[in-house]
PDB file of all heavy atoms in Angstrom:
ATOM      1  N   GLU A   1      -9.579   7.219  -7.088  1.00  0.00           N
ATOM      2  CA  GLU A   1      -8.718   7.036  -8.258  1.00  0.00           C
ATOM      3  C   GLU A   1      -7.392   6.390  -7.849  1.00  0.00           C
ATOM      4  O   GLU A   1      -6.919   5.465  -8.510  1.00  0.00           O
ATOM      5  CB  GLU A   1      -8.468   8.385  -8.948  1.00  0.00           C
ATOM      6  CG  GLU A   1      -7.631   8.288 -10.203  1.00  0.00           C
ATOM      7  CD  GLU A   1      -8.264   7.439 -11.297  1.00  0.00           C
ATOM      8  OE1 GLU A   1      -9.496   7.399 -11.410  1.00  0.00           O
ATOM      9  OE2 GLU A   1      -7.507   6.786 -12.049  1.00  0.00           O
ATOM     10  N   ALA A   2      -6.780   6.844  -6.786  1.00  0.00           N
ATOM     11  CA  ALA A   2      -5.512   6.278  -6.324  1.00  0.00           C
ATOM     12  C   ALA A   2      -5.668   4.807  -5.954  1.00  0.00           C
ATOM     13  O   ALA A   2      -4.743   4.006  -6.141  1.00  0.00           O
ATOM     14  CB  ALA A   2      -4.987   7.080  -5.130  1.00  0.00           C
ATOM     15  N   ASN A   3      -6.824   4.440  -5.443  1.00  0.00           N
ATOM     16  CA  ASN A   3      -7.067   3.060  -5.028  1.00  0.00           C
ATOM     17  C   ASN A   3      -7.081   2.090  -6.217  1.00  0.00           C
ATOM     18  O   ASN A   3      -6.975   0.883  -6.032  1.00  0.00           O
ATOM     19  CB  ASN A   3      -8.390   2.972  -4.252  1.00  0.00           C
ATOM     20  CG  ASN A   3      -8.527   1.677  -3.493  1.00  0.00           C
ATOM     21  OD1 ASN A   3      -7.611   1.258  -2.789  1.00  0.00           O
ATOM     22  ND2 ASN A   3      -9.664   1.036  -3.625  1.00  0.00           N
ATOM     23  N   ARG A   4      -7.179   2.621  -7.419  1.00  0.00           N
ATOM     24  CA  ARG A   4      -7.163   1.786  -8.633  1.00  0.00           C
ATOM     25  C   ARG A   4      -5.736   1.506  -9.119  1.00  0.00           C
ATOM     26  O   ARG A   4      -5.557   0.778 -10.101  1.00  0.00           O
ATOM     27  CB  ARG A   4      -7.951   2.466  -9.744  1.00  0.00           C
ATOM     28  CG  ARG A   4      -9.423   2.596  -9.455  1.00  0.00           C
ATOM     29  CD  ARG A   4     -10.173   3.192 -10.646  1.00  0.00           C
ATOM     30  NE  ARG A   4     -11.569   3.395 -10.309  1.00  0.00           N
ATOM     31  CZ  ARG A   4     -12.179   4.572 -10.317  1.00  0.00           C
ATOM     32  NH1 ARG A   4     -11.529   5.666 -10.694  1.00  0.00           N
ATOM     33  NH2 ARG A   4     -13.449   4.671  -9.982  1.00  0.00           N
ATOM     34  N   SER A   5      -4.738   2.054  -8.468  1.00  0.00           N
ATOM     35  CA  SER A   5      -3.352   1.902  -8.926  1.00  0.00           C
ATOM     36  C   SER A   5      -2.803   0.513  -8.591  1.00  0.00           C
ATOM     37  O   SER A   5      -3.445  -0.277  -7.897  1.00  0.00           O
ATOM     38  CB  SER A   5      -2.472   2.983  -8.296  1.00  0.00           C
ATOM     39  OG  SER A   5      -2.154   2.625  -6.966  1.00  0.00           O
ATOM     40  N   ASP A   6      -1.588   0.247  -9.059  1.00  0.00           N
ATOM     41  CA  ASP A   6      -0.919  -1.025  -8.770  1.00  0.00           C
ATOM     42  C   ASP A   6      -0.541  -1.141  -7.295  1.00  0.00           C
ATOM     43  O   ASP A   6      -0.365  -2.243  -6.790  1.00  0.00           O
ATOM     44  CB  ASP A   6       0.342  -1.172  -9.633  1.00  0.00           C
ATOM     45  CG  ASP A   6       0.012  -1.365 -11.105  1.00  0.00           C
ATOM     46  OD1 ASP A   6      -1.114  -1.812 -11.409  1.00  0.00           O
ATOM     47  OD2 ASP A   6       0.874  -1.055 -11.944  1.00  0.00           O
ATOM     48  N   ASP A   7      -0.374  -0.019  -6.628  1.00  0.00           N
ATOM     49  CA  ASP A   7      -0.056   0.014  -5.195  1.00  0.00           C
ATOM     50  C   ASP A   7      -1.108   0.883  -4.511  1.00  0.00           C
ATOM     51  O   ASP A   7      -0.870   2.043  -4.193  1.00  0.00           O
ATOM     52  CB  ASP A   7       1.348   0.598  -4.970  1.00  0.00           C
ATOM     53  CG  ASP A   7       1.698   0.777  -3.497  1.00  0.00           C
ATOM     54  OD1 ASP A   7       1.038   0.156  -2.626  1.00  0.00           O
ATOM     55  OD2 ASP A   7       2.636   1.554  -3.218  1.00  0.00           O
ATOM     56  N   PRO A   8      -2.307   0.330  -4.296  1.00  0.00           N
ATOM     57  CA  PRO A   8      -3.393   1.166  -3.774  1.00  0.00           C
ATOM     58  C   PRO A   8      -3.071   1.838  -2.451  1.00  0.00           C
ATOM     59  O   PRO A   8      -3.329   3.025  -2.285  1.00  0.00           O
ATOM     60  CB  PRO A   8      -4.571   0.205  -3.635  1.00  0.00           C
ATOM     61  CG  PRO A   8      -4.175  -1.071  -4.234  1.00  0.00           C
ATOM     62  CD  PRO A   8      -2.715  -1.040  -4.523  1.00  0.00           C
ATOM     63  N   GLN A   9      -2.505   1.102  -1.501  1.00  0.00           N
ATOM     64  CA  GLN A   9      -2.239   1.719  -0.206  1.00  0.00           C
ATOM     65  C   GLN A   9      -1.242   2.863  -0.337  1.00  0.00           C
ATOM     66  O   GLN A   9      -1.441   3.938   0.222  1.00  0.00           O
ATOM     67  CB  GLN A   9      -1.739   0.700   0.818  1.00  0.00           C
ATOM     68  CG  GLN A   9      -1.561   1.337   2.193  1.00  0.00           C
ATOM     69  CD  GLN A   9      -1.183   0.358   3.287  1.00  0.00           C
ATOM     70  OE1 GLN A   9      -0.700  -0.731   3.034  1.00  0.00           O
ATOM     71  NE2 GLN A   9      -1.411   0.769   4.524  1.00  0.00           N
ATOM     72  N   GLY A  10      -0.174   2.646  -1.091  1.00  0.00           N
ATOM     73  CA  GLY A  10       0.827   3.698  -1.267  1.00  0.00           C
ATOM     74  C   GLY A  10       0.272   4.915  -1.985  1.00  0.00           C
ATOM     75  O   GLY A  10       0.533   6.059  -1.596  1.00  0.00           O
ATOM     76  N   ALA A  11      -0.516   4.681  -3.021  1.00  0.00           N
ATOM     77  CA  ALA A  11      -1.087   5.795  -3.785  1.00  0.00           C
ATOM     78  C   ALA A  11      -2.103   6.573  -2.948  1.00  0.00           C
ATOM     79  O   ALA A  11      -2.128   7.814  -2.972  1.00  0.00           O
ATOM     80  CB  ALA A  11      -1.731   5.275  -5.064  1.00  0.00           C
ATOM     81  N   VAL A  12      -2.948   5.859  -2.183  1.00  0.00           N
ATOM     82  CA  VAL A  12      -3.922   6.539  -1.321  1.00  0.00           C
ATOM     83  C   VAL A  12      -3.197   7.286  -0.203  1.00  0.00           C
ATOM     84  O   VAL A  12      -3.596   8.391   0.166  1.00  0.00           O
ATOM     85  CB  VAL A  12      -4.959   5.532  -0.768  1.00  0.00           C
ATOM     86  CG1 VAL A  12      -5.843   6.180   0.289  1.00  0.00           C
ATOM     87  CG2 VAL A  12      -5.817   4.973  -1.899  1.00  0.00           C
ATOM     88  N   LEU A  13      -2.104   6.718   0.315  1.00  0.00           N
ATOM     89  CA  LEU A  13      -1.323   7.404   1.355  1.00  0.00           C
ATOM     90  C   LEU A  13      -0.774   8.732   0.829  1.00  0.00           C
ATOM     91  O   LEU A  13      -0.764   9.728   1.558  1.00  0.00           O
ATOM     92  CB  LEU A  13      -0.192   6.510   1.861  1.00  0.00           C
ATOM     93  CG  LEU A  13       0.609   7.063   3.030  1.00  0.00           C
ATOM     94  CD1 LEU A  13      -0.257   7.185   4.280  1.00  0.00           C
ATOM     95  CD2 LEU A  13       1.822   6.175   3.311  1.00  0.00           C
ATOM     96  N   GLU A  14      -0.351   8.755  -0.431  1.00  0.00           N
ATOM     97  CA  GLU A  14       0.135  10.013  -1.025  1.00  0.00           C
ATOM     98  C   GLU A  14      -0.969  11.066  -1.060  1.00  0.00           C
ATOM     99  O   GLU A  14      -0.726  12.238  -0.746  1.00  0.00           O
ATOM    100  CB  GLU A  14       0.678   9.768  -2.430  1.00  0.00           C
ATOM    101  CG  GLU A  14       1.997   9.044  -2.470  1.00  0.00           C
ATOM    102  CD  GLU A  14       2.491   8.807  -3.888  1.00  0.00           C
ATOM    103  OE1 GLU A  14       2.105   9.580  -4.809  1.00  0.00           O
ATOM    104  OE2 GLU A  14       3.271   7.862  -4.084  1.00  0.00           O
ATOM    105  N   VAL A  15      -2.175  10.659  -1.435  1.00  0.00           N
ATOM    106  CA  VAL A  15      -3.308  11.592  -1.455  1.00  0.00           C
ATOM    107  C   VAL A  15      -3.582  12.099  -0.039  1.00  0.00           C
ATOM    108  O   VAL A  15      -3.770  13.301   0.185  1.00  0.00           O
ATOM    109  CB  VAL A  15      -4.568  10.917  -2.051  1.00  0.00           C
ATOM    110  CG1 VAL A  15      -5.790  11.824  -1.919  1.00  0.00           C
ATOM    111  CG2 VAL A  15      -4.333  10.531  -3.509  1.00  0.00           C
ATOM    112  N   LEU A  16      -3.586  11.191   0.919  1.00  0.00           N
ATOM    113  CA  LEU A  16      -3.828  11.572   2.310  1.00  0.00           C
ATOM    114  C   LEU A  16      -2.732  12.504   2.827  1.00  0.00           C
ATOM    115  O   LEU A  16      -3.021  13.502   3.502  1.00  0.00           O
ATOM    116  CB  LEU A  16      -3.931  10.319   3.186  1.00  0.00           C
ATOM    117  CG  LEU A  16      -4.237  10.519   4.656  1.00  0.00           C
ATOM    118  CD1 LEU A  16      -5.577  11.230   4.863  1.00  0.00           C
ATOM    119  CD2 LEU A  16      -4.219   9.169   5.392  1.00  0.00           C
ATOM    120  N   ALA A  17      -1.484  12.215   2.510  1.00  0.00           N
ATOM    121  CA  ALA A  17      -0.371  13.064   2.951  1.00  0.00           C
ATOM    122  C   ALA A  17      -0.501  14.477   2.386  1.00  0.00           C
ATOM    123  O   ALA A  17      -0.234  15.461   3.095  1.00  0.00           O
ATOM    124  CB  ALA A  17       0.963  12.436   2.551  1.00  0.00           C
ATOM    125  N   ARG A  18      -0.915  14.595   1.128  1.00  0.00           N
ATOM    126  CA  ARG A  18      -1.130  15.929   0.537  1.00  0.00           C
ATOM    127  C   ARG A  18      -2.208  16.683   1.317  1.00  0.00           C
ATOM    128  O   ARG A  18      -2.064  17.855   1.640  1.00  0.00           O
ATOM    129  CB  ARG A  18      -1.513  15.825  -0.933  1.00  0.00           C
ATOM    130  CG  ARG A  18      -0.363  15.629  -1.873  1.00  0.00           C
ATOM    131  CD  ARG A  18      -0.729  15.897  -3.328  1.00  0.00           C
ATOM    132  NE  ARG A  18      -1.909  15.194  -3.798  1.00  0.00           N
ATOM    133  CZ  ARG A  18      -1.900  13.980  -4.344  1.00  0.00           C
ATOM    134  NH1 ARG A  18      -0.763  13.335  -4.488  1.00  0.00           N
ATOM    135  NH2 ARG A  18      -3.021  13.426  -4.762  1.00  0.00           N
ATOM    136  N   ALA A  19      -3.298  15.994   1.614  1.00  0.00           N
ATOM    137  CA  ALA A  19      -4.386  16.641   2.365  1.00  0.00           C
ATOM    138  C   ALA A  19      -3.925  17.028   3.758  1.00  0.00           C
ATOM    139  O   ALA A  19      -4.258  18.105   4.260  1.00  0.00           O
ATOM    140  CB  ALA A  19      -5.596  15.713   2.435  1.00  0.00           C
ATOM    141  N   MET A  20      -3.149  16.159   4.405  1.00  0.00           N
ATOM    142  CA  MET A  20      -2.697  16.421   5.777  1.00  0.00           C
ATOM    143  C   MET A  20      -1.598  17.479   5.844  1.00  0.00           C
ATOM    144  O   MET A  20      -1.271  17.952   6.928  1.00  0.00           O
ATOM    145  CB  MET A  20      -2.209  15.130   6.439  1.00  0.00           C
ATOM    146  CG  MET A  20      -3.305  14.167   6.776  1.00  0.00           C
ATOM    147  SD  MET A  20      -4.512  14.873   7.925  1.00  0.00           S
ATOM    148  CE  MET A  20      -5.938  13.910   7.485  1.00  0.00           C
ATOM    149  N   SER A  21      -1.041  17.854   4.690  1.00  0.00           N
ATOM    150  CA  SER A  21      -0.034  18.922   4.706  1.00  0.00           C
ATOM    151  C   SER A  21      -0.673  20.265   5.050  1.00  0.00           C
ATOM    152  O   SER A  21       0.024  21.228   5.347  1.00  0.00           O
ATOM    153  CB  SER A  21       0.707  18.987   3.373  1.00  0.00           C
ATOM    154  OG  SER A  21      -0.157  19.427   2.343  1.00  0.00           O
ATOM    155  N   HIS A  22      -2.011  20.320   5.030  1.00  0.00           N
ATOM    156  CA  HIS A  22      -2.769  21.504   5.425  1.00  0.00           C
ATOM    157  C   HIS A  22      -3.881  21.080   6.387  1.00  0.00           C
ATOM    158  O   HIS A  22      -5.073  21.160   6.049  1.00  0.00           O
ATOM    159  CB  HIS A  22      -3.365  22.202   4.196  1.00  0.00           C
ATOM    160  CG  HIS A  22      -2.345  22.588   3.181  1.00  0.00           C
ATOM    161  ND1 HIS A  22      -1.491  23.651   3.359  1.00  0.00           N
ATOM    162  CD2 HIS A  22      -2.020  22.029   1.992  1.00  0.00           C
ATOM    163  CE1 HIS A  22      -0.685  23.738   2.313  1.00  0.00           C
ATOM    164  NE2 HIS A  22      -0.984  22.762   1.480  1.00  0.00           N
ATOM    165  N   PRO A  23      -3.512  20.630   7.600  1.00  0.00           N
ATOM    166  CA  PRO A  23      -4.538  20.102   8.521  1.00  0.00           C
ATOM    167  C   PRO A  23      -5.600  21.137   8.890  1.00  0.00           C
ATOM    168  O   PRO A  23      -6.754  20.774   9.131  1.00  0.00           O
ATOM    169  CB  PRO A  23      -3.741  19.640   9.739  1.00  0.00           C
ATOM    170  CG  PRO A  23      -2.426  20.323   9.653  1.00  0.00           C
ATOM    171  CD  PRO A  23      -2.181  20.586   8.196  1.00  0.00           C
ATOM    172  N   ALA A  24      -5.244  22.418   8.895  1.00  0.00           N
ATOM    173  CA  ALA A  24      -6.237  23.452   9.232  1.00  0.00           C
ATOM    174  C   ALA A  24      -7.362  23.482   8.191  1.00  0.00           C
ATOM    175  O   ALA A  24      -8.516  23.746   8.535  1.00  0.00           O
ATOM    176  CB  ALA A  24      -5.571  24.812   9.348  1.00  0.00           C
ATOM    177  N   ASP A  25      -7.038  23.206   6.926  1.00  0.00           N
ATOM    178  CA  ASP A  25      -8.068  23.164   5.887  1.00  0.00           C
ATOM    179  C   ASP A  25      -9.054  22.020   6.142  1.00  0.00           C
ATOM    180  O   ASP A  25     -10.264  22.181   5.961  1.00  0.00           O
ATOM    181  CB  ASP A  25      -7.440  23.008   4.500  1.00  0.00           C
ATOM    182  CG  ASP A  25      -6.648  24.243   4.076  1.00  0.00           C
ATOM    183  OD1 ASP A  25      -6.794  25.317   4.713  1.00  0.00           O
ATOM    184  OD2 ASP A  25      -5.872  24.127   3.109  1.00  0.00           O
ATOM    185  N   LEU A  26      -8.526  20.872   6.558  1.00  0.00           N
ATOM    186  CA  LEU A  26      -9.405  19.742   6.883  1.00  0.00           C
ATOM    187  C   LEU A  26     -10.251  20.051   8.106  1.00  0.00           C
ATOM    188  O   LEU A  26     -11.436  19.713   8.150  1.00  0.00           O
ATOM    189  CB  LEU A  26      -8.586  18.472   7.109  1.00  0.00           C
ATOM    190  CG  LEU A  26      -8.089  17.800   5.840  1.00  0.00           C
ATOM    191  CD1 LEU A  26      -7.077  16.718   6.163  1.00  0.00           C
ATOM    192  CD2 LEU A  26      -9.250  17.212   5.064  1.00  0.00           C
ATOM    193  N   LEU A  27      -9.666  20.688   9.090  1.00  0.00           N
ATOM    194  CA  LEU A  27     -10.410  21.062  10.288  1.00  0.00           C
ATOM    195  C   LEU A  27     -11.558  22.009   9.919  1.00  0.00           C
ATOM    196  O   LEU A  27     -12.679  21.854  10.405  1.00  0.00           O
ATOM    197  CB  LEU A  27      -9.485  21.712  11.324  1.00  0.00           C
ATOM    198  CG  LEU A  27     -10.104  22.064  12.664  1.00  0.00           C
ATOM    199  CD1 LEU A  27     -10.657  20.831  13.362  1.00  0.00           C
ATOM    200  CD2 LEU A  27      -9.070  22.741  13.544  1.00  0.00           C
ATOM    201  N   THR A  28     -11.301  22.939   9.019  1.00  0.00           N
ATOM    202  CA  THR A  28     -12.351  23.841   8.551  1.00  0.00           C
ATOM    203  C   THR A  28     -13.440  23.070   7.810  1.00  0.00           C
ATOM    204  O   THR A  28     -14.636  23.284   8.036  1.00  0.00           O
ATOM    205  CB  THR A  28     -11.760  24.935   7.643  1.00  0.00           C
ATOM    206  OG1 THR A  28     -10.815  25.698   8.412  1.00  0.00           O
ATOM    207  CG2 THR A  28     -12.833  25.860   7.108  1.00  0.00           C
ATOM    208  N   ALA A  29     -13.029  22.142   6.944  1.00  0.00           N
ATOM    209  CA  ALA A  29     -13.990  21.385   6.141  1.00  0.00           C
ATOM    210  C   ALA A  29     -14.822  20.426   6.984  1.00  0.00           C
ATOM    211  O   ALA A  29     -16.019  20.270   6.753  1.00  0.00           O
ATOM    212  CB  ALA A  29     -13.257  20.612   5.044  1.00  0.00           C
ATOM    213  N   LEU A  30     -14.197  19.790   7.972  1.00  0.00           N
ATOM    214  CA  LEU A  30     -14.874  18.756   8.759  1.00  0.00           C
ATOM    215  C   LEU A  30     -15.432  19.272  10.081  1.00  0.00           C
ATOM    216  O   LEU A  30     -16.290  18.627  10.676  1.00  0.00           O
ATOM    217  CB  LEU A  30     -13.906  17.595   9.029  1.00  0.00           C
ATOM    218  CG  LEU A  30     -13.440  16.853   7.784  1.00  0.00           C
ATOM    219  CD1 LEU A  30     -12.273  15.932   8.107  1.00  0.00           C
ATOM    220  CD2 LEU A  30     -14.598  16.085   7.168  1.00  0.00           C
ATOM    221  N   GLY A  31     -14.928  20.391  10.537  1.00  0.00           N
ATOM    222  CA  GLY A  31     -15.359  20.939  11.816  1.00  0.00           C
ATOM    223  C   GLY A  31     -14.551  20.371  12.969  1.00  0.00           C
ATOM    224  O   GLY A  31     -13.956  19.296  12.871  1.00  0.00           O
ATOM    225  N   ASN A  32     -14.522  21.120  14.048  1.00  0.00           N
ATOM    226  CA  ASN A  32     -13.800  20.685  15.243  1.00  0.00           C
ATOM    227  C   ASN A  32     -14.592  19.568  15.914  1.00  0.00           C
ATOM    228  O   ASN A  32     -15.778  19.736  16.174  1.00  0.00           O
ATOM    229  CB  ASN A  32     -13.624  21.874  16.188  1.00  0.00           C
ATOM    230  CG  ASN A  32     -12.452  21.707  17.111  1.00  0.00           C
ATOM    231  OD1 ASN A  32     -11.640  20.817  16.942  1.00  0.00           O
ATOM    232  ND2 ASN A  32     -12.373  22.585  18.092  1.00  0.00           N
TER     233      ASN A  32
END
């Protein structure tokens, strides 16, 4: 959805930054 914005890279970076604010959650979801 963010990639459809007027600034795709910036909008996708915001989504990624939100996810990375909890790196342990990603580690749990993706595995070590």
